[in-house]
N, C-alpha and C. Protein backbone atom coordinates (compact mmCIF):
# COMPACT_ATOMS: atom_id res chain seq x y z
N MET A 1 -6.02 14.12 -10.17
CA MET A 1 -5.69 12.99 -9.25
C MET A 1 -4.34 13.39 -8.15
N ASN A 2 -4.39 14.63 -8.78
CA ASN A 2 -2.88 15.02 -7.65
C ASN A 2 -3.44 15.68 -6.19
N GLU A 3 -4.04 14.53 -5.67
CA GLU A 3 -4.65 14.79 -4.25
C GLU A 3 -3.73 14.23 -3.31
N ARG A 4 -3.43 15.31 -2.39
CA ARG A 4 -2.27 14.58 -1.47
C ARG A 4 -2.97 13.64 -0.37
N ILE A 5 -2.18 12.70 0.06
CA ILE A 5 -2.63 11.88 1.08
C ILE A 5 -1.90 12.35 2.30
N GLU A 6 -2.75 13.44 3.20
CA GLU A 6 -1.97 13.70 4.62
C GLU A 6 -1.33 12.99 5.65
N GLU A 7 -1.60 11.93 5.66
CA GLU A 7 -1.12 11.01 6.60
C GLU A 7 0.32 10.45 5.92
N THR A 8 0.63 10.38 4.86
CA THR A 8 1.98 10.27 4.42
C THR A 8 2.41 11.18 4.00
N GLY A 9 1.99 12.23 3.14
CA GLY A 9 2.34 13.27 2.56
C GLY A 9 2.75 12.72 1.09
N TRP A 10 2.52 11.42 0.49
CA TRP A 10 2.66 11.30 -0.74
C TRP A 10 1.35 11.86 -1.74
N PHE A 11 1.96 11.97 -3.03
CA PHE A 11 0.95 12.35 -3.94
C PHE A 11 0.64 11.00 -4.86
N LEU A 12 -0.53 10.94 -5.15
CA LEU A 12 -1.02 9.30 -5.57
C LEU A 12 -0.38 9.25 -6.73
N PRO A 13 0.05 9.98 -7.71
CA PRO A 13 0.36 9.63 -8.87
C PRO A 13 2.00 9.06 -8.76
N SER A 14 2.72 9.46 -7.92
CA SER A 14 3.84 8.59 -7.57
C SER A 14 3.81 7.33 -6.89
N LEU A 15 2.41 6.97 -6.18
CA LEU A 15 2.37 5.76 -5.73
C LEU A 15 2.97 4.81 -6.05
N ASP A 16 2.80 4.38 -7.51
CA ASP A 16 3.35 3.10 -8.31
C ASP A 16 4.70 3.10 -8.05
N VAL A 17 5.33 4.37 -8.15
CA VAL A 17 7.01 4.43 -8.30
C VAL A 17 7.35 4.15 -6.58
N LEU A 18 6.85 4.67 -5.62
CA LEU A 18 7.02 4.32 -4.24
C LEU A 18 7.03 3.04 -4.05
N VAL A 19 6.39 2.43 -4.64
CA VAL A 19 5.89 0.85 -4.46
C VAL A 19 7.39 0.09 -4.68
N PHE A 20 7.77 0.04 -5.99
CA PHE A 20 8.76 -0.02 -6.45
C PHE A 20 9.87 0.31 -5.84
N ASP A 21 10.02 1.66 -5.48
CA ASP A 21 11.60 2.06 -4.70
C ASP A 21 11.39 1.51 -3.28
N LYS A 22 10.20 1.43 -2.68
CA LYS A 22 10.07 1.04 -1.02
C LYS A 22 10.28 -0.61 -1.16
N ILE A 23 9.66 -1.34 -1.95
CA ILE A 23 9.67 -2.56 -1.36
C ILE A 23 10.66 -3.49 -3.06
N LYS A 24 11.66 -3.86 -2.29
CA LYS A 24 12.58 -4.39 -3.38
C LYS A 24 12.23 -5.79 -3.23
N SER A 25 13.03 -6.23 -4.14
CA SER A 25 12.69 -7.84 -4.43
C SER A 25 13.36 -8.57 -3.26
N GLU A 26 12.90 -8.67 -2.52
CA GLU A 26 13.60 -9.41 -1.07
C GLU A 26 12.95 -10.55 -1.33
N GLU A 27 13.45 -11.45 -0.25
CA GLU A 27 12.68 -12.94 -0.14
C GLU A 27 11.31 -12.54 0.93
N LYS A 28 10.30 -13.22 0.24
CA LYS A 28 8.84 -13.18 0.59
C LYS A 28 8.95 -14.49 1.56
N VAL A 29 7.68 -13.96 2.67
CA VAL A 29 7.25 -15.03 3.89
C VAL A 29 5.73 -14.85 3.59
N ARG A 30 5.11 -16.04 3.65
CA ARG A 30 3.72 -15.96 3.59
C ARG A 30 3.04 -15.80 4.80
N LYS A 31 1.95 -14.86 4.78
CA LYS A 31 1.26 -14.63 6.20
C LYS A 31 -0.16 -14.65 5.42
N THR A 32 -1.10 -15.31 6.53
CA THR A 32 -2.45 -15.13 6.21
C THR A 32 -3.35 -14.34 7.21
N PHE A 33 -4.18 -13.53 6.81
CA PHE A 33 -5.23 -12.61 7.82
C PHE A 33 -6.12 -12.43 7.17
N SER A 34 -6.88 -11.67 7.77
CA SER A 34 -8.68 -11.38 7.87
C SER A 34 -8.51 -9.92 7.53
N LEU A 35 -9.62 -9.49 6.95
CA LEU A 35 -9.75 -7.89 6.82
C LEU A 35 -11.44 -7.57 7.05
N ASN A 36 -11.87 -6.87 7.44
CA ASN A 36 -13.17 -6.66 7.46
C ASN A 36 -13.84 -6.51 6.02
N LYS A 37 -14.77 -6.56 5.49
CA LYS A 37 -15.59 -6.56 4.18
C LYS A 37 -15.42 -5.04 3.62
N GLY A 38 -15.66 -4.09 4.50
CA GLY A 38 -15.07 -2.91 4.05
C GLY A 38 -13.71 -2.64 3.50
N VAL A 39 -12.99 -2.96 4.19
CA VAL A 39 -11.65 -2.70 3.85
C VAL A 39 -10.72 -3.58 2.75
N GLY A 40 -11.80 -4.84 2.72
CA GLY A 40 -11.44 -5.64 1.71
C GLY A 40 -11.99 -4.83 0.47
N LYS A 41 -13.02 -4.41 0.32
CA LYS A 41 -13.63 -3.77 -0.85
C LYS A 41 -12.77 -2.39 -0.97
N ALA A 42 -12.22 -1.59 -0.02
CA ALA A 42 -11.62 -0.30 -0.64
C ALA A 42 -10.14 -0.92 -1.08
N LEU A 43 -9.57 -2.19 -0.70
CA LEU A 43 -8.48 -2.46 -1.11
C LEU A 43 -8.69 -3.08 -2.55
N ASP A 44 -9.40 -3.62 -2.74
CA ASP A 44 -9.61 -4.25 -4.22
C ASP A 44 -9.77 -2.98 -4.97
N ALA A 45 -10.61 -2.24 -4.79
CA ALA A 45 -10.94 -0.80 -5.49
C ALA A 45 -9.68 -0.12 -5.80
N PHE A 46 -9.03 0.05 -4.52
CA PHE A 46 -7.51 1.02 -4.77
C PHE A 46 -6.69 0.24 -5.58
N ALA A 47 -6.41 -1.00 -5.37
CA ALA A 47 -5.45 -1.84 -6.29
C ALA A 47 -6.02 -1.89 -7.72
N ALA A 48 -7.09 -1.65 -7.92
CA ALA A 48 -7.51 -1.92 -9.49
C ALA A 48 -7.34 -0.37 -10.03
N GLY A 49 -8.02 0.44 -9.32
CA GLY A 49 -7.81 1.84 -9.62
C GLY A 49 -6.28 2.28 -10.04
N HIS A 50 -5.50 2.03 -9.33
CA HIS A 50 -4.24 2.75 -9.49
C HIS A 50 -3.23 1.30 -10.22
N LYS A 51 -3.96 0.21 -10.66
CA LYS A 51 -3.18 -1.06 -11.45
C LYS A 51 -1.63 -1.34 -10.17
N LEU A 52 -1.95 -1.38 -8.92
CA LEU A 52 -1.20 -1.96 -8.38
C LEU A 52 -1.46 -3.27 -7.73
N ASN A 53 -0.47 -4.15 -7.35
CA ASN A 53 -0.78 -5.63 -6.55
C ASN A 53 -1.06 -5.13 -4.99
N LYS A 54 -1.98 -6.05 -4.66
CA LYS A 54 -2.62 -5.73 -3.38
C LYS A 54 -1.44 -6.13 -2.49
N GLN A 55 -0.55 -6.97 -2.30
CA GLN A 55 0.19 -7.70 -1.58
C GLN A 55 1.31 -6.34 -1.33
N ASP A 56 1.77 -5.71 -2.79
CA ASP A 56 2.39 -4.57 -2.42
C ASP A 56 1.92 -3.34 -1.65
N ILE A 57 0.40 -3.36 -1.97
CA ILE A 57 -0.04 -1.81 -0.93
C ILE A 57 -0.15 -2.43 0.55
N ILE A 58 -0.23 -3.67 1.04
CA ILE A 58 -0.45 -4.10 2.39
C ILE A 58 0.97 -3.64 2.79
N GLU A 59 1.82 -4.46 2.03
CA GLU A 59 3.18 -4.00 2.25
C GLU A 59 3.78 -2.99 2.60
N LEU A 60 3.76 -2.33 1.50
CA LEU A 60 4.04 -0.45 2.18
C LEU A 60 3.22 0.06 3.02
N ALA A 61 2.01 -0.26 3.13
CA ALA A 61 1.19 0.44 4.26
C ALA A 61 1.84 0.08 5.90
N LEU A 62 2.25 -0.99 5.53
CA LEU A 62 3.02 -1.72 6.95
C LEU A 62 4.06 -1.05 7.36
N TRP A 63 4.85 -0.64 6.11
CA TRP A 63 6.23 -0.01 6.33
C TRP A 63 6.06 1.13 6.90
N ASP A 64 5.03 1.81 6.39
CA ASP A 64 4.44 3.40 6.88
C ASP A 64 4.35 3.37 8.33
N LEU A 65 3.43 2.30 8.44
CA LEU A 65 2.64 2.36 9.93
C LEU A 65 4.09 1.85 10.87
N PHE A 66 5.06 1.12 10.48
CA PHE A 66 6.02 1.09 11.24
C PHE A 66 6.85 2.19 11.58
N ARG A 67 7.21 2.89 10.42
CA ARG A 67 7.70 4.07 10.08
C ARG A 67 7.35 5.38 11.44
N LYS A 68 6.00 5.26 11.37
CA LYS A 68 5.51 6.47 12.10
C LYS A 68 5.22 6.18 13.49
N TYR A 69 5.17 4.73 13.84
CA TYR A 69 5.09 4.61 15.33
C TYR A 69 6.32 3.84 15.96
N ASN A 70 7.40 3.49 15.41
CA ASN A 70 8.20 3.18 16.12
C ASN A 70 9.56 4.08 16.42
């Protein structure tokens, strides 16, 4: 499971640590959005497989997107 994710350069075993390092306990704002079924299923499976909160995964992915394209 030491597969490297090329887009981010992160290793999967350290992902849970990165979630807690990157997403501090900050005030949260509620947003509602829709995902296509395939992405939703992949998110559910990824969250369950890594025992992570889906909200944290989405927040981390967005921060990574902003970092890359800002």
